[in-house]
């Protein structure tokens, strides 16, 4: 399945499959996605109980789902961008500390 389609249909699964080093991001995206499913289910359940459909709950669930899909797509795009090793990629281009920089934890180590 294509990355973008999977990110739209099941955002946490897309992060788990294509997220690489950012797979830890699947949990909060999964919480947002499941809350969207619950919102849609609650909105549609009103019709089954004889009440009118709660369209505001369905709309809110769809909006949260869209937010989770956009979030998953942004994470996957960022991982792909870093893996491409472009000039602004942070994967291979980190700045090494110089000798004259102070270690911020050194004061804590001396206090012990």
Protein backbone atom coordinates (compact mmCIF):
# COMPACT_ATOMS: atom_id res chain seq x y z
CA UNK A 1 0.00 0.00 0.00
CA UNK A 2 1.27 3.46 -0.83
CA UNK A 3 2.54 5.59 2.07
CA UNK A 4 0.08 8.41 1.56
CA UNK A 5 -2.97 6.14 1.28
CA UNK A 6 -1.97 4.22 4.40
CA UNK A 7 -1.36 7.51 6.25
CA UNK A 8 -4.90 8.59 5.40
CA UNK A 9 -6.64 5.29 6.22
CA UNK A 10 -4.63 4.17 9.26
CA UNK A 11 -2.12 6.80 10.44
CA UNK A 12 -0.52 4.84 13.32
CA UNK A 13 0.07 1.82 11.11
CA UNK A 14 1.70 4.04 8.49
CA UNK A 15 4.06 5.47 11.13
CA UNK A 16 4.88 2.00 12.40
CA UNK A 17 5.67 0.79 8.90
CA UNK A 18 7.36 3.84 7.35
CA UNK A 19 8.27 5.95 10.39
CA UNK A 20 11.75 4.54 10.89
CA UNK A 21 13.42 6.31 13.80
CA UNK A 22 10.23 8.23 14.57
CA UNK A 23 8.11 5.12 15.21
CA UNK A 24 7.63 6.37 18.78
CA UNK A 25 5.30 8.96 17.26
CA UNK A 26 2.77 6.23 16.41
CA UNK A 27 1.36 6.21 19.96
CA UNK A 28 0.10 9.81 20.11
CA UNK A 29 -1.08 9.63 16.50
CA UNK A 30 -2.86 6.38 17.38
CA UNK A 31 -4.61 8.03 20.34
CA UNK A 32 -5.83 10.85 18.08
CA UNK A 33 -6.97 8.37 15.43
CA UNK A 34 -8.84 6.15 17.91
CA UNK A 35 -10.53 9.21 19.43
CA UNK A 36 -11.65 10.13 15.92
CA UNK A 37 -13.11 6.64 15.43
CA UNK A 38 -14.91 6.89 18.77
CA UNK A 39 -16.28 10.33 17.90
CA UNK A 40 -17.63 9.08 14.59
CA UNK A 41 -19.12 5.97 16.24
CA UNK A 42 -20.82 8.01 18.97
CA UNK A 43 -22.22 10.39 16.39
CA UNK A 44 -23.64 7.60 14.27
CA UNK A 45 -24.90 5.61 17.26
CA UNK A 46 -27.44 8.29 18.06
CA UNK A 47 -29.44 7.24 15.00
CA UNK A 48 -29.46 3.59 16.12
CA UNK A 49 -30.98 4.54 19.49
CA UNK A 50 -33.85 6.43 17.92
CA UNK A 51 -32.26 9.84 18.34
CA UNK A 52 -31.14 11.99 15.49
CA UNK A 53 -27.58 11.61 14.27
CA UNK A 54 -25.18 13.88 16.09
CA UNK A 55 -23.53 15.42 13.05
CA UNK A 56 -21.30 17.66 15.16
CA UNK A 57 -19.71 14.56 16.69
CA UNK A 58 -19.21 12.96 13.28
CA UNK A 59 -17.69 16.20 11.94
CA UNK A 60 -15.39 16.50 14.95
CA UNK A 61 -14.30 12.87 14.53
CA UNK A 62 -13.55 13.45 10.84
CA UNK A 63 -11.57 16.58 11.69
CA UNK A 64 -9.50 14.71 14.29
CA UNK A 65 -8.93 11.89 11.78
CA UNK A 66 -7.73 14.43 9.21
CA UNK A 67 -5.40 15.93 11.82
CA UNK A 68 -3.93 12.50 12.59
CA UNK A 69 -3.49 11.80 8.86
CA UNK A 70 -1.72 15.12 8.26
CA UNK A 71 0.49 14.51 11.33
CA UNK A 72 1.43 11.03 10.07
CA UNK A 73 2.17 12.37 6.60
CA UNK A 74 4.38 15.12 8.06
CA UNK A 75 6.35 12.59 10.12
CA UNK A 76 6.84 10.25 7.15
CA UNK A 77 7.88 13.15 4.92
CA UNK A 78 10.39 14.33 7.53
CA UNK A 79 11.89 10.84 7.83
CA UNK A 80 12.14 10.54 4.05
CA UNK A 81 13.75 13.97 3.87
CA UNK A 82 16.36 13.08 6.49
CA UNK A 83 17.07 9.74 4.81
CA UNK A 84 17.81 11.56 1.54
CA UNK A 85 20.89 13.17 3.16
CA UNK A 86 20.27 16.58 1.68
CA UNK A 87 22.28 19.63 2.69
CA UNK A 88 19.81 20.58 5.44
CA UNK A 89 19.36 17.04 6.75
CA UNK A 90 20.07 16.63 10.46
CA UNK A 91 20.95 12.96 10.21
CA UNK A 92 24.56 13.41 9.05
CA UNK A 93 25.10 17.10 9.65
CA UNK A 94 25.41 17.62 13.38
CA UNK A 95 27.65 20.19 14.96
CA UNK A 96 30.33 18.77 17.24
CA UNK A 97 31.00 20.76 20.42
CA UNK A 98 34.28 22.66 20.56
CA UNK A 99 36.82 22.37 23.38
CA UNK A 100 36.04 25.80 24.79
CA UNK A 101 32.33 25.05 25.33
CA UNK A 102 31.27 24.31 28.89
CA UNK A 103 29.53 21.04 29.67
CA UNK A 104 26.24 22.03 31.32
CA UNK A 105 26.18 18.88 33.44
CA UNK A 106 29.70 19.37 34.77
CA UNK A 107 28.50 21.63 37.60
CA UNK A 108 26.05 18.97 38.71
CA UNK A 109 28.71 16.28 38.66
CA UNK A 110 31.04 18.43 40.80
CA UNK A 111 28.29 19.09 43.36
CA UNK A 112 28.03 15.40 44.24
